[in-house]
Structure formats: C-alpha cells, structure tokens
Amino acid sequence: MTTTKAEALTALILSARGNRPQSLANAEAEEVLNIALALLIELSVSNDRIDRLERMVAALRDEPVSALRDVRYDGEAAQERQEAMEALLARVLRIMLDPRVQPPAAAAS
C-alpha cells in the first residue's frame, strides 16, 4: 500500500510528543501566523515552479523570458482573468465578507 504525502504528514504530526511550543501570548494569533508562514512557503515553491516553466517555454520558443512575462490580455481573456481574481479574493476574504460575523466590539458587548 502506498502512503500519500498527506498521509505521511498526518502521521508525522500525530507522532509528535509533548506540548507544541508557543511563542505568542494569544494561541489564535500564533495559529494564524503559522498558517500564513506555511502559505508563504507554498507560494515560494509555486513561484519557483512558475519561473522554471517560464524559462523552459522561453527556451523552446527561442525568446526572452520577459516576452512571456510581459504578455497582456484584452477582451474576453482579460475579463476571465479579472473574474478569476475577484473570485479568489472573495474566497480568501470570505470571513471578512460574511454578514453573519459581528465586529469584535459588538461581540464583546
């Protein structure tokens, strides 16, 4: 039976012993910071892969990488890209956009 990367990571986490060290006074803030740092690492890996692909495509097309990076879209393609960006922002900021969430001051009173 083959173990997936996710299963291996889960097994590693479950094998940890003792309490997880905490640096910040607020556990929730530390959790958010840890998630943000993990996302930063994932983004760095993705950017590295994109860079390698751009360089490979540029070499195959015998043109500079800047020619690929400077492509500008218009018309339907530009509209589709704009809609995809807006959908991404809505997903990422969904907690802030949710009308059911009360502001911190209102929740405390």
C-alpha atoms as a PDB file:
ATOM      1  CA  MET A   1       0.000   0.000   0.000  1.00  0.00           C
ATOM      2  CA  THR A   2       1.362   3.405  -0.990  1.00  0.00           C
ATOM      3  CA  THR A   3       1.353   6.257   1.503  1.00  0.00           C
ATOM      4  CA  THR A   4       0.366   9.657   0.134  1.00  0.00           C
ATOM      5  CA  LYS A   5       2.212  12.826   1.092  1.00  0.00           C
ATOM      6  CA  ALA A   6      -0.813  13.996   3.080  1.00  0.00           C
ATOM      7  CA  GLU A   7      -0.954  10.701   4.980  1.00  0.00           C
ATOM      8  CA  ALA A   8       2.773  10.882   5.733  1.00  0.00           C
ATOM      9  CA  LEU A   9       2.416  14.438   7.042  1.00  0.00           C
ATOM     10  CA  THR A  10      -0.570  13.460   9.188  1.00  0.00           C
ATOM     11  CA  ALA A  11       1.397  10.526  10.630  1.00  0.00           C
ATOM     12  CA  LEU A  12       4.323  12.839  11.409  1.00  0.00           C
ATOM     13  CA  ILE A  13       2.044  15.311  13.197  1.00  0.00           C
ATOM     14  CA  LEU A  14       0.361  12.545  15.196  1.00  0.00           C
ATOM     15  CA  SER A  15       3.744  11.143  16.273  1.00  0.00           C
ATOM     16  CA  ALA A  16       4.765  14.432  17.949  1.00  0.00           C
ATOM     17  CA  ARG A  17       5.285  14.249  21.690  1.00  0.00           C
ATOM     18  CA  GLY A  18       4.684  16.867  24.363  1.00  0.00           C
ATOM     19  CA  ASN A  19       3.050  20.231  24.007  1.00  0.00           C
ATOM     20  CA  ARG A  20       3.644  22.329  20.935  1.00  0.00           C
ATOM     21  CA  PRO A  21       5.810  25.310  21.907  1.00  0.00           C
ATOM     22  CA  GLN A  22       4.002  28.639  21.770  1.00  0.00           C
ATOM     23  CA  SER A  23       5.770  31.972  21.287  1.00  0.00           C
ATOM     24  CA  LEU A  24       2.864  34.415  21.335  1.00  0.00           C
ATOM     25  CA  ALA A  25       0.516  35.122  24.239  1.00  0.00           C
ATOM     26  CA  ASN A  26      -2.522  34.569  22.003  1.00  0.00           C
ATOM     27  CA  ALA A  27      -2.811  30.993  20.683  1.00  0.00           C
ATOM     28  CA  GLU A  28      -5.206  32.001  17.882  1.00  0.00           C
ATOM     29  CA  ALA A  29      -2.820  34.694  16.645  1.00  0.00           C
ATOM     30  CA  GLU A  30       0.021  32.183  16.645  1.00  0.00           C
ATOM     31  CA  GLU A  31      -2.091  29.684  14.710  1.00  0.00           C
ATOM     32  CA  VAL A  32      -2.926  32.300  12.075  1.00  0.00           C
ATOM     33  CA  LEU A  33       0.750  33.280  11.869  1.00  0.00           C
ATOM     34  CA  ASN A  34       1.755  29.628  11.412  1.00  0.00           C
ATOM     35  CA  ILE A  35      -0.805  29.208   8.636  1.00  0.00           C
ATOM     36  CA  ALA A  36       0.407  32.405   6.951  1.00  0.00           C
ATOM     37  CA  LEU A  37       4.014  31.193   7.110  1.00  0.00           C
ATOM     38  CA  ALA A  38       3.034  27.797   5.677  1.00  0.00           C
ATOM     39  CA  LEU A  39       1.210  29.566   2.835  1.00  0.00           C
ATOM     40  CA  LEU A  40       4.294  31.719   2.235  1.00  0.00           C
ATOM     41  CA  ILE A  41       6.397  28.578   1.825  1.00  0.00           C
ATOM     42  CA  GLU A  42       3.840  27.051  -0.555  1.00  0.00           C
ATOM     43  CA  LEU A  43       3.743  30.281  -2.577  1.00  0.00           C
ATOM     44  CA  SER A  44       7.533  30.339  -2.759  1.00  0.00           C
ATOM     45  CA  VAL A  45       7.569  26.795  -4.147  1.00  0.00           C
ATOM     46  CA  SER A  46       4.848  27.687  -6.667  1.00  0.00           C
ATOM     47  CA  ASN A  47       6.738  30.793  -7.786  1.00  0.00           C
ATOM     48  CA  ASP A  48       9.883  28.710  -8.272  1.00  0.00           C
ATOM     49  CA  ARG A  49       7.972  26.230 -10.424  1.00  0.00           C
ATOM     50  CA  ILE A  50       6.378  29.008 -12.473  1.00  0.00           C
ATOM     51  CA  ASP A  51       9.797  30.589 -13.032  1.00  0.00           C
ATOM     52  CA  ARG A  52      11.253  27.271 -14.223  1.00  0.00           C
ATOM     53  CA  LEU A  53       8.318  26.707 -16.585  1.00  0.00           C
ATOM     54  CA  GLU A  54       8.611  30.239 -17.986  1.00  0.00           C
ATOM     55  CA  ARG A  55      12.301  29.716 -18.641  1.00  0.00           C
ATOM     56  CA  MET A  56      11.696  26.353 -20.325  1.00  0.00           C
ATOM     57  CA  VAL A  57       8.918  27.733 -22.554  1.00  0.00           C
ATOM     58  CA  ALA A  58      11.043  30.765 -23.438  1.00  0.00           C
ATOM     59  CA  ALA A  59      13.950  28.495 -24.380  1.00  0.00           C
ATOM     60  CA  LEU A  60      11.673  26.309 -26.528  1.00  0.00           C
ATOM     61  CA  ARG A  61      10.282  29.394 -28.281  1.00  0.00           C
ATOM     62  CA  ASP A  62      13.751  30.953 -28.554  1.00  0.00           C
ATOM     63  CA  GLU A  63      12.629  34.224 -26.982  1.00  0.00           C
ATOM     64  CA  PRO A  64      13.491  36.040 -23.755  1.00  0.00           C
ATOM     65  CA  VAL A  65      11.622  35.200 -20.547  1.00  0.00           C
ATOM     66  CA  SER A  66      10.494  38.823 -20.371  1.00  0.00           C
ATOM     67  CA  ALA A  67       8.423  38.268 -23.523  1.00  0.00           C
ATOM     68  CA  LEU A  68       6.352  35.682 -21.648  1.00  0.00           C
ATOM     69  CA  ARG A  69       6.100  37.776 -18.504  1.00  0.00           C
ATOM     70  CA  ASP A  70       5.047  40.905 -20.398  1.00  0.00           C
ATOM     71  CA  VAL A  71       2.051  39.322 -22.170  1.00  0.00           C
ATOM     72  CA  ARG A  72      -1.030  41.497 -21.704  1.00  0.00           C
ATOM     73  CA  TYR A  73      -4.528  40.186 -22.256  1.00  0.00           C
ATOM     74  CA  ASP A  74      -7.522  42.050 -23.586  1.00  0.00           C
ATOM     75  CA  GLY A  75     -11.109  41.279 -24.421  1.00  0.00           C
ATOM     76  CA  GLU A  76     -12.599  38.012 -23.212  1.00  0.00           C
ATOM     77  CA  ALA A  77      -9.314  36.661 -21.830  1.00  0.00           C
ATOM     78  CA  ALA A  78      -8.800  39.800 -19.727  1.00  0.00           C
ATOM     79  CA  GLN A  79     -12.374  39.593 -18.444  1.00  0.00           C
ATOM     80  CA  GLU A  80     -11.961  35.916 -17.499  1.00  0.00           C
ATOM     81  CA  ARG A  81      -8.726  36.682 -15.641  1.00  0.00           C
ATOM     82  CA  GLN A  82     -10.381  39.583 -13.792  1.00  0.00           C
ATOM     83  CA  GLU A  83     -13.315  37.386 -12.764  1.00  0.00           C
ATOM     84  CA  ALA A  84     -10.934  34.660 -11.573  1.00  0.00           C
ATOM     85  CA  MET A  85      -9.037  37.221  -9.461  1.00  0.00           C
ATOM     86  CA  GLU A  86     -12.256  38.559  -7.938  1.00  0.00           C
ATOM     87  CA  ALA A  87     -13.401  35.008  -7.114  1.00  0.00           C
ATOM     88  CA  LEU A  88     -10.040  34.280  -5.485  1.00  0.00           C
ATOM     89  CA  LEU A  89     -10.278  37.420  -3.347  1.00  0.00           C
ATOM     90  CA  ALA A  90     -13.834  36.533  -2.328  1.00  0.00           C
ATOM     91  CA  ARG A  91     -12.704  33.046  -1.247  1.00  0.00           C
ATOM     92  CA  VAL A  92      -9.693  34.338   0.671  1.00  0.00           C
ATOM     93  CA  LEU A  93     -11.568  37.179   2.365  1.00  0.00           C
ATOM     94  CA  ARG A  94     -14.840  35.278   2.879  1.00  0.00           C
ATOM     95  CA  ILE A  95     -14.640  35.603   6.671  1.00  0.00           C
ATOM     96  CA  MET A  96     -14.408  39.386   6.415  1.00  0.00           C
ATOM     97  CA  LEU A  97     -17.223  39.487   3.857  1.00  0.00           C
ATOM     98  CA  ASP A  98     -19.616  37.220   5.809  1.00  0.00           C
ATOM     99  CA  PRO A  99     -22.514  39.401   7.054  1.00  0.00           C
ATOM    100  CA  ARG A 100     -23.168  36.968   9.933  1.00  0.00           C
ATOM    101  CA  VAL A 101     -19.830  37.814  11.575  1.00  0.00           C
ATOM    102  CA  GLN A 102     -20.149  40.545  14.171  1.00  0.00           C
ATOM    103  CA  PRO A 103     -17.402  43.135  14.604  1.00  0.00           C
ATOM    104  CA  PRO A 104     -15.195  42.455  17.664  1.00  0.00           C
ATOM    105  CA  ALA A 105     -16.615  45.436  19.609  1.00  0.00           C
ATOM    106  CA  ALA A 106     -20.213  44.303  19.073  1.00  0.00           C
ATOM    107  CA  ALA A 107     -19.398  40.704  20.012  1.00  0.00           C
ATOM    108  CA  ALA A 108     -17.845  41.794  23.331  1.00  0.00           C
ATOM    109  CA  SER A 109     -20.889  43.783  24.492  1.00  0.00           C
END
